[in-house]
Amino acid sequence: MRSCGLSVRELFTQRNQFTHEQLPLSDRDIIGHKADNRDSNHISSALSKSHMKGPLQKALISVGDLVYLYSDKEKTKARPRYIVVNTNEDWCYIKKFIGNQLRSSSYKIKQSECYRVPCESSPKRRPQITRDSDDAEDLYEQNCKSAQPHNIPNTDVHQELPIEPDQALAAVPEILTMPLTQP
């Protein structure tokens, strides 16, 4: 028995299998009935066969976003990235990134079949320090004092050493004072 209550033989011959009377059947009606059954069963069937909690939600995607496709799964490689070039209601047009090149062909996919690439790094804000506050100055002074090493003696750099030219040449090794050409 089929879902419409008729056997295969009755559908094929369009006659009752016991009395052989003509059945008022139309092929278009049977096809429409089957299509309606499939459409009405699609959501519940998809939910029961899905490994996820429910149907995929439409992602918030705009032009210029980088996206991944759910269907691009490989164990040996990372997912390829795509850039969104145009969006319509439920559809978006994407182009594939390979390295730093953009492919010329554009693909039309449903927005529920892709998801945005998460941000790799979030911008970190530096704390704003006002120069007018006393706390900021105290903090600055403490950091400057703690950054200087404590065991370096305080000496004057510009102090001249009492060395005469003859003493300086005597300290140079003989190898460096040899002439370049030999007779």
Protein backbone atom coordinates (compact mmCIF):
# COMPACT_ATOMS: atom_id res chain seq x y z
CA MET A 1 0.00 0.00 0.00
CA ARG A 2 1.18 3.48 -0.84
CA SER A 3 0.63 6.57 1.27
CA CYS A 4 -2.41 7.53 -0.81
CA GLY A 5 -4.08 4.18 0.00
CA LEU A 6 -3.55 2.53 -3.39
CA SER A 7 -1.27 -0.32 -4.39
CA VAL A 8 1.40 -0.01 -7.07
CA ARG A 9 -0.70 -2.05 -9.47
CA GLU A 10 -3.72 0.22 -8.91
CA LEU A 11 -1.59 3.31 -9.53
CA PHE A 12 -0.09 1.83 -12.69
CA THR A 13 -3.31 0.49 -14.25
CA GLN A 14 -5.64 3.08 -12.66
CA ARG A 15 -8.07 0.23 -11.91
CA ASN A 16 -9.26 -1.46 -8.73
CA GLN A 17 -7.21 -4.62 -8.28
CA PHE A 18 -10.18 -6.73 -7.15
CA THR A 19 -13.08 -5.51 -9.29
CA HIS A 20 -11.07 -4.09 -12.22
CA GLU A 21 -13.23 -0.97 -12.27
CA GLN A 22 -11.74 2.28 -13.60
CA LEU A 23 -10.44 4.55 -10.78
CA PRO A 24 -10.81 8.32 -11.20
CA LEU A 25 -7.06 9.15 -10.84
CA SER A 26 -5.00 11.90 -12.33
CA ASP A 27 -1.22 11.65 -12.48
CA ARG A 28 -0.89 15.37 -11.70
CA ASP A 29 -2.99 14.97 -8.54
CA ILE A 30 -0.86 12.04 -7.34
CA ILE A 31 2.38 13.93 -8.03
CA GLY A 32 1.06 17.02 -6.21
CA HIS A 33 -0.06 14.91 -3.23
CA LYS A 34 3.40 13.30 -2.94
CA ALA A 35 5.16 16.68 -3.20
CA ASP A 36 2.93 18.15 -0.47
CA ASN A 37 3.68 15.18 1.82
CA ARG A 38 7.42 15.58 1.28
CA ASP A 39 7.32 19.31 1.96
CA SER A 40 5.27 18.93 5.13
CA ASN A 41 7.61 16.20 6.42
CA HIS A 42 10.81 18.05 5.55
CA ILE A 43 11.23 20.12 8.75
CA SER A 44 10.57 17.26 11.17
CA SER A 45 12.75 14.92 9.12
CA ALA A 46 15.59 17.43 9.02
CA LEU A 47 15.39 17.94 12.78
CA SER A 48 15.45 14.21 13.52
CA LYS A 49 18.36 13.49 11.19
CA SER A 50 20.36 16.52 12.21
CA HIS A 51 23.16 16.20 14.74
CA MET A 52 22.62 19.80 15.79
CA LYS A 53 19.98 21.20 18.08
CA GLY A 54 17.90 22.64 15.28
CA PRO A 55 17.95 24.18 11.85
CA LEU A 56 20.78 26.58 11.11
CA GLN A 57 20.06 30.18 11.91
CA LYS A 58 20.68 32.93 9.40
CA ALA A 59 24.04 34.53 10.20
CA LEU A 60 24.43 38.28 10.50
CA ILE A 61 26.61 38.76 7.45
CA SER A 62 27.38 41.98 5.62
CA VAL A 63 29.43 42.88 2.56
CA GLY A 64 33.16 42.60 3.23
CA ASP A 65 32.93 39.95 5.96
CA LEU A 66 35.13 36.87 5.87
CA VAL A 67 33.10 33.67 6.12
CA TYR A 68 33.57 29.91 6.32
CA LEU A 69 31.18 27.38 4.76
CA TYR A 70 29.78 24.61 6.93
CA SER A 71 30.16 22.15 4.06
CA ASP A 72 33.93 22.76 3.60
CA LYS A 73 35.25 20.16 6.02
CA GLU A 74 38.63 18.49 5.72
CA LYS A 75 40.81 16.86 8.31
CA THR A 76 44.09 17.68 6.60
CA LYS A 77 43.62 21.36 5.76
CA ALA A 78 42.13 24.47 7.28
CA ARG A 79 38.80 25.65 5.92
CA PRO A 80 39.12 28.01 2.97
CA ARG A 81 38.03 31.57 3.59
CA TYR A 82 35.55 33.47 1.48
CA ILE A 83 34.71 37.16 1.31
CA VAL A 84 31.14 38.40 0.95
CA VAL A 85 30.70 40.60 -2.13
CA ASN A 86 26.92 41.02 -2.12
CA THR A 87 23.92 40.04 -0.01
CA ASN A 88 20.24 39.56 -0.73
CA GLU A 89 17.51 38.52 1.71
CA ASP A 90 18.52 34.91 2.41
CA TRP A 91 21.38 34.66 -0.05
CA CYS A 92 24.91 35.98 -0.22
CA TYR A 93 27.47 36.05 -3.00
CA ILE A 94 30.99 35.07 -1.99
CA LYS A 95 34.43 34.86 -3.57
CA LYS A 96 37.15 32.50 -2.44
CA PHE A 97 40.40 33.71 -0.86
CA ILE A 98 43.54 31.72 -1.63
CA GLY A 99 46.57 33.19 0.08
CA ASN A 100 46.17 36.89 -0.53
CA GLN A 101 44.49 36.47 -3.92
CA LEU A 102 40.78 36.72 -4.59
CA ARG A 103 39.29 34.30 -7.13
CA SER A 104 37.24 35.77 -9.97
CA SER A 105 34.25 33.41 -9.79
CA SER A 106 31.44 34.26 -7.41
CA TYR A 107 29.26 31.69 -5.61
CA LYS A 108 25.65 32.14 -4.52
CA ILE A 109 24.94 30.43 -1.18
CA LYS A 110 22.36 30.66 1.56
CA GLN A 111 23.36 32.77 4.53
CA SER A 112 22.48 29.89 6.83
CA GLU A 113 25.16 27.72 5.15
CA CYS A 114 28.03 29.97 6.19
CA TYR A 115 29.29 31.69 9.30
CA ARG A 116 31.55 34.64 9.98
CA VAL A 117 35.23 34.14 10.66
CA PRO A 118 35.83 34.99 14.31
CA CYS A 119 38.16 37.91 14.99
CA GLU A 120 41.72 36.69 15.47
CA SER A 121 42.66 39.46 17.86
CA SER A 122 40.61 41.96 19.70
CA PRO A 123 42.01 45.47 19.86
CA LYS A 124 43.36 46.16 23.32
CA ARG A 125 42.84 49.62 24.66
CA ARG A 126 45.60 51.22 26.58
CA PRO A 127 44.53 52.85 29.81
CA GLN A 128 44.32 56.58 29.46
CA ILE A 129 46.43 58.46 31.95
CA THR A 130 45.79 62.13 32.43
CA ARG A 131 48.85 64.28 33.05
CA ASP A 132 46.97 66.52 35.46
CA SER A 133 46.27 63.98 38.14
CA ASP A 134 48.65 63.54 41.03
CA ASP A 135 48.14 59.77 41.03
CA ALA A 136 49.44 59.49 37.47
CA GLU A 137 52.54 61.54 38.32
CA ASP A 138 53.21 59.44 41.41
CA LEU A 139 52.85 56.27 39.36
CA TYR A 140 55.20 57.65 36.71
CA GLU A 141 57.83 58.61 39.29
CA GLN A 142 57.63 55.22 40.98
CA ASN A 143 58.13 53.43 37.67
CA CYS A 144 61.10 55.63 36.74
CA LYS A 145 62.79 55.09 40.11
CA SER A 146 62.27 51.35 40.07
CA ALA A 147 63.62 51.07 36.51
CA GLN A 148 67.08 52.37 37.46
CA PRO A 149 69.56 49.80 38.78
CA HIS A 150 70.77 50.50 42.28
CA ASN A 151 74.38 49.25 42.14
CA ILE A 152 75.80 51.50 39.37
CA PRO A 153 78.14 54.16 40.79
CA ASN A 154 77.45 57.74 39.83
CA THR A 155 80.51 58.92 37.85
CA ASP A 156 81.09 61.85 35.57
CA VAL A 157 81.27 60.67 31.97
CA HIS A 158 83.09 63.74 30.66
CA GLN A 159 86.10 63.23 32.90
CA GLU A 160 89.30 63.32 30.82
CA LEU A 161 91.91 60.66 31.36
CA PRO A 162 95.55 61.82 31.68
CA ILE A 163 97.11 59.83 28.82
CA GLU A 164 99.86 61.22 26.66
CA PRO A 165 100.23 60.24 22.98
CA ASP A 166 103.50 58.32 23.56
CA GLN A 167 101.86 56.17 26.23
CA ALA A 168 98.90 55.43 23.98
CA LEU A 169 101.15 54.16 21.15
CA ALA A 170 103.16 52.04 23.54
CA ALA A 171 100.00 50.22 24.57
CA VAL A 172 99.19 49.21 20.96
CA PRO A 173 100.51 45.74 20.04
CA GLU A 174 103.32 45.43 17.52
CA ILE A 175 101.20 43.53 15.02
CA LEU A 176 99.01 46.55 14.49
CA THR A 177 101.96 48.91 14.03
CA MET A 178 103.69 46.94 11.24
CA PRO A 179 103.88 48.67 7.86
CA LEU A 180 101.66 47.36 5.10
CA THR A 181 104.42 46.96 2.51
CA GLN A 182 107.64 45.14 3.21
CA PRO A 183 110.90 45.92 1.34
